Amino acid sequence: MTSRRILKAAEAIREVVSMTILTEIKDPRVENVTVTFVEVSPDMRIAKVHVSVMGNEAKQSLAMHGLRSSAGFLQAKIAKRIDTRYTPRIQFILDQGVKHSIEVSRMLKELLPTSASEVPEPLDTVAAPDPTHGSDPADG
């Protein structure tokens, strides 16, 4: 069970890192980056920052390299925000979750029909006589 203190620190780190990436980092490699969540170790010495980067693998690699280069700057921002004995060291982890969910959504759109006119009729709906009415039209 993660303590409340660690959860609050993780949330504060997420806020600081995401706002700093958005407003203060001028590195052209760091673009289209979203901080998805942060994991903080129980001793609060390491913070794993999970980021999602839109673009191909080359852009993702460049963005991760740029983030690693700016880790010291980001740690200084975190040190100003949270009051702890040690400032957590930042490790960036590429989060593929968003990319995978977009891919799954695209596949489902290809496989599933989009309108009612494209819905195939079930195979077991062969015209069978209704048991509540007589099967002979002359009985009517």
C-alpha atoms as a PDB file:
ATOM      1  CA  MET A   1       0.000   0.000   0.000  1.00  0.00           C
ATOM      2  CA  THR A   2       1.394   3.337  -1.024  1.00  0.00           C
ATOM      3  CA  SER A   3       1.318   5.996   1.651  1.00  0.00           C
ATOM      4  CA  ARG A   4      -0.635   9.172   1.248  1.00  0.00           C
ATOM      5  CA  ARG A   5       2.586  11.198   1.471  1.00  0.00           C
ATOM      6  CA  ILE A   6       4.109   9.363  -1.496  1.00  0.00           C
ATOM      7  CA  LEU A   7       0.926   9.742  -3.546  1.00  0.00           C
ATOM      8  CA  LYS A   8       0.851  13.490  -2.857  1.00  0.00           C
ATOM      9  CA  ALA A   9       4.526  13.789  -3.811  1.00  0.00           C
ATOM     10  CA  ALA A  10       3.895  11.855  -7.047  1.00  0.00           C
ATOM     11  CA  GLU A  11       1.017  14.160  -7.949  1.00  0.00           C
ATOM     12  CA  ALA A  12       3.098  17.269  -7.200  1.00  0.00           C
ATOM     13  CA  ILE A  13       5.963  15.930  -9.327  1.00  0.00           C
ATOM     14  CA  ARG A  14       3.551  15.173 -12.174  1.00  0.00           C
ATOM     15  CA  GLU A  15       2.187  18.725 -12.062  1.00  0.00           C
ATOM     16  CA  VAL A  16       5.632  20.355 -11.928  1.00  0.00           C
ATOM     17  CA  VAL A  17       7.120  18.221 -14.695  1.00  0.00           C
ATOM     18  CA  SER A  18       4.150  18.552 -17.042  1.00  0.00           C
ATOM     19  CA  MET A  19       3.877  22.331 -16.608  1.00  0.00           C
ATOM     20  CA  THR A  20       7.637  22.816 -16.967  1.00  0.00           C
ATOM     21  CA  ILE A  21       7.726  20.709 -20.144  1.00  0.00           C
ATOM     22  CA  LEU A  22       4.807  22.690 -21.524  1.00  0.00           C
ATOM     23  CA  THR A  23       5.959  26.201 -20.642  1.00  0.00           C
ATOM     24  CA  GLU A  24       9.683  26.362 -19.870  1.00  0.00           C
ATOM     25  CA  ILE A  25      11.646  23.726 -21.769  1.00  0.00           C
ATOM     26  CA  LYS A  26      12.817  25.241 -25.043  1.00  0.00           C
ATOM     27  CA  ASP A  27      14.509  22.098 -26.397  1.00  0.00           C
ATOM     28  CA  PRO A  28      13.065  21.498 -29.898  1.00  0.00           C
ATOM     29  CA  ARG A  29      13.346  17.734 -29.367  1.00  0.00           C
ATOM     30  CA  VAL A  30      10.823  17.877 -26.540  1.00  0.00           C
ATOM     31  CA  GLU A  31       7.475  18.356 -28.244  1.00  0.00           C
ATOM     32  CA  ASN A  32       4.148  16.515 -28.179  1.00  0.00           C
ATOM     33  CA  VAL A  33       5.041  15.103 -24.755  1.00  0.00           C
ATOM     34  CA  THR A  34       2.380  14.280 -22.179  1.00  0.00           C
ATOM     35  CA  VAL A  35       3.130  13.159 -18.636  1.00  0.00           C
ATOM     36  CA  THR A  36       0.739  10.271 -17.976  1.00  0.00           C
ATOM     37  CA  PHE A  37       1.662   9.385 -14.391  1.00  0.00           C
ATOM     38  CA  VAL A  38       4.504   9.327 -11.884  1.00  0.00           C
ATOM     39  CA  GLU A  39       5.704   6.527  -9.620  1.00  0.00           C
ATOM     40  CA  VAL A  40       7.745   7.465  -6.550  1.00  0.00           C
ATOM     41  CA  SER A  41       9.858   4.912  -4.700  1.00  0.00           C
ATOM     42  CA  PRO A  42       9.001   4.328  -1.014  1.00  0.00           C
ATOM     43  CA  ASP A  43      12.182   6.109   0.117  1.00  0.00           C
ATOM     44  CA  MET A  44      11.309   9.022  -2.237  1.00  0.00           C
ATOM     45  CA  ARG A  45      14.734   8.969  -3.894  1.00  0.00           C
ATOM     46  CA  ILE A  46      13.547   7.945  -7.379  1.00  0.00           C
ATOM     47  CA  ALA A  47      10.624   9.229  -9.417  1.00  0.00           C
ATOM     48  CA  LYS A  48       9.693   7.318 -12.564  1.00  0.00           C
ATOM     49  CA  VAL A  49       7.950   9.753 -14.884  1.00  0.00           C
ATOM     50  CA  HIS A  50       5.871   7.971 -17.517  1.00  0.00           C
ATOM     51  CA  VAL A  51       5.471  10.052 -20.655  1.00  0.00           C
ATOM     52  CA  SER A  52       3.564   9.596 -23.882  1.00  0.00           C
ATOM     53  CA  VAL A  53       5.094  11.031 -27.042  1.00  0.00           C
ATOM     54  CA  MET A  54       3.029  11.399 -30.192  1.00  0.00           C
ATOM     55  CA  GLY A  55       4.845  10.637 -33.403  1.00  0.00           C
ATOM     56  CA  ASN A  56       6.941   7.902 -34.943  1.00  0.00           C
ATOM     57  CA  GLU A  57       9.722   6.038 -33.162  1.00  0.00           C
ATOM     58  CA  ALA A  58      12.373   8.536 -34.262  1.00  0.00           C
ATOM     59  CA  LYS A  59      10.437  11.451 -32.733  1.00  0.00           C
ATOM     60  CA  GLN A  60       9.848   9.434 -29.571  1.00  0.00           C
ATOM     61  CA  SER A  61      13.546   8.641 -29.282  1.00  0.00           C
ATOM     62  CA  LEU A  62      14.515  12.289 -29.799  1.00  0.00           C
ATOM     63  CA  ALA A  63      11.977  13.455 -27.226  1.00  0.00           C
ATOM     64  CA  MET A  64      13.214  10.924 -24.655  1.00  0.00           C
ATOM     65  CA  HIS A  65      16.813  12.042 -25.244  1.00  0.00           C
ATOM     66  CA  GLY A  66      15.762  15.683 -24.801  1.00  0.00           C
ATOM     67  CA  LEU A  67      13.904  14.847 -21.587  1.00  0.00           C
ATOM     68  CA  ARG A  68      16.901  13.011 -20.172  1.00  0.00           C
ATOM     69  CA  SER A  69      19.054  16.052 -21.010  1.00  0.00           C
ATOM     70  CA  SER A  70      16.690  18.349 -19.106  1.00  0.00           C
ATOM     71  CA  ALA A  71      16.344  16.061 -16.055  1.00  0.00           C
ATOM     72  CA  GLY A  72      18.569  18.274 -13.885  1.00  0.00           C
ATOM     73  CA  PHE A  73      16.522  21.371 -14.700  1.00  0.00           C
ATOM     74  CA  LEU A  74      13.316  19.495 -13.894  1.00  0.00           C
ATOM     75  CA  GLN A  75      14.750  18.171 -10.618  1.00  0.00           C
ATOM     76  CA  ALA A  76      15.581  21.735  -9.581  1.00  0.00           C
ATOM     77  CA  LYS A  77      11.958  22.733 -10.248  1.00  0.00           C
ATOM     78  CA  ILE A  78      10.753  19.766  -8.182  1.00  0.00           C
ATOM     79  CA  ALA A  79      13.092  20.699  -5.314  1.00  0.00           C
ATOM     80  CA  LYS A  80      11.444  24.138  -5.137  1.00  0.00           C
ATOM     81  CA  ARG A  81       7.949  22.621  -5.063  1.00  0.00           C
ATOM     82  CA  ILE A  82       8.243  19.711  -2.628  1.00  0.00           C
ATOM     83  CA  ASP A  83       9.963  19.924   0.728  1.00  0.00           C
ATOM     84  CA  THR A  84      11.793  16.654   1.306  1.00  0.00           C
ATOM     85  CA  ARG A  85      15.215  15.653   2.554  1.00  0.00           C
ATOM     86  CA  TYR A  86      16.163  14.303  -0.887  1.00  0.00           C
ATOM     87  CA  THR A  87      15.005  15.519  -4.249  1.00  0.00           C
ATOM     88  CA  PRO A  88      13.905  12.470  -6.218  1.00  0.00           C
ATOM     89  CA  ARG A  89      16.056  11.560  -9.213  1.00  0.00           C
ATOM     90  CA  ILE A  90      13.942  11.532 -12.351  1.00  0.00           C
ATOM     91  CA  GLN A  91      13.810   8.559 -14.684  1.00  0.00           C
ATOM     92  CA  PHE A  92      11.753   8.921 -17.848  1.00  0.00           C
ATOM     93  CA  ILE A  93       9.821   5.917 -19.136  1.00  0.00           C
ATOM     94  CA  LEU A  94       8.056   5.900 -22.493  1.00  0.00           C
ATOM     95  CA  ASP A  95       4.399   5.009 -21.971  1.00  0.00           C
ATOM     96  CA  GLN A  96       2.953   3.210 -25.011  1.00  0.00           C
ATOM     97  CA  GLY A  97      -0.540   2.915 -23.498  1.00  0.00           C
ATOM     98  CA  VAL A  98      -2.060   5.844 -25.397  1.00  0.00           C
ATOM     99  CA  LYS A  99      -0.534   4.719 -28.675  1.00  0.00           C
ATOM    100  CA  HIS A 100      -1.808   1.166 -28.156  1.00  0.00           C
ATOM    101  CA  SER A 101      -5.328   2.365 -27.334  1.00  0.00           C
ATOM    102  CA  ILE A 102      -5.433   4.472 -30.510  1.00  0.00           C
ATOM    103  CA  GLU A 103      -4.297   1.463 -32.541  1.00  0.00           C
ATOM    104  CA  VAL A 104      -6.955  -0.781 -30.953  1.00  0.00           C
ATOM    105  CA  SER A 105      -9.614   1.843 -31.651  1.00  0.00           C
ATOM    106  CA  ARG A 106      -8.528   2.023 -35.302  1.00  0.00           C
ATOM    107  CA  MET A 107      -8.695  -1.771 -35.625  1.00  0.00           C
ATOM    108  CA  LEU A 108     -12.156  -1.904 -34.076  1.00  0.00           C
ATOM    109  CA  LYS A 109     -13.419   0.765 -36.484  1.00  0.00           C
ATOM    110  CA  GLU A 110     -12.171  -1.352 -39.391  1.00  0.00           C
ATOM    111  CA  LEU A 111     -13.771  -4.535 -38.091  1.00  0.00           C
ATOM    112  CA  LEU A 112     -17.085  -3.300 -36.729  1.00  0.00           C
ATOM    113  CA  PRO A 113     -19.799  -1.832 -38.947  1.00  0.00           C
ATOM    114  CA  THR A 114     -20.527   1.849 -38.443  1.00  0.00           C
ATOM    115  CA  SER A 115     -24.185   2.127 -39.496  1.00  0.00           C
ATOM    116  CA  ALA A 116     -27.319   0.040 -39.089  1.00  0.00           C
ATOM    117  CA  SER A 117     -27.507  -0.619 -42.860  1.00  0.00           C
ATOM    118  CA  GLU A 118     -24.198  -2.503 -42.709  1.00  0.00           C
ATOM    119  CA  VAL A 119     -25.258  -4.794 -39.871  1.00  0.00           C
ATOM    120  CA  PRO A 120     -25.568  -8.339 -41.226  1.00  0.00           C
ATOM    121  CA  GLU A 121     -28.733 -10.229 -40.398  1.00  0.00           C
ATOM    122  CA  PRO A 122     -28.199 -13.070 -37.913  1.00  0.00           C
ATOM    123  CA  LEU A 123     -28.146 -16.522 -39.487  1.00  0.00           C
ATOM    124  CA  ASP A 124     -30.681 -18.052 -37.079  1.00  0.00           C
ATOM    125  CA  THR A 125     -33.582 -15.769 -38.101  1.00  0.00           C
ATOM    126  CA  VAL A 126     -35.118 -18.042 -40.718  1.00  0.00           C
ATOM    127  CA  ALA A 127     -38.828 -17.365 -41.152  1.00  0.00           C
ATOM    128  CA  ALA A 128     -40.422 -19.859 -38.769  1.00  0.00           C
ATOM    129  CA  PRO A 129     -44.141 -20.152 -38.159  1.00  0.00           C
ATOM    130  CA  ASP A 130     -45.363 -18.248 -35.109  1.00  0.00           C
ATOM    131  CA  PRO A 131     -46.594 -20.792 -32.525  1.00  0.00           C
ATOM    132  CA  THR A 132     -49.238 -18.397 -31.160  1.00  0.00           C
ATOM    133  CA  HIS A 133     -51.085 -18.211 -34.473  1.00  0.00           C
ATOM    134  CA  GLY A 134     -52.255 -21.064 -36.556  1.00  0.00           C
ATOM    135  CA  SER A 135     -49.765 -22.280 -39.094  1.00  0.00           C
ATOM    136  CA  ASP A 136     -52.453 -22.738 -41.736  1.00  0.00           C
ATOM    137  CA  PRO A 137     -53.476 -19.447 -43.427  1.00  0.00           C
ATOM    138  CA  ALA A 138     -56.955 -20.906 -44.064  1.00  0.00           C
ATOM    139  CA  ASP A 139     -57.564 -21.188 -40.284  1.00  0.00           C
ATOM    140  CA  GLY A 140     -57.559 -17.387 -39.973  1.00  0.00           C
END
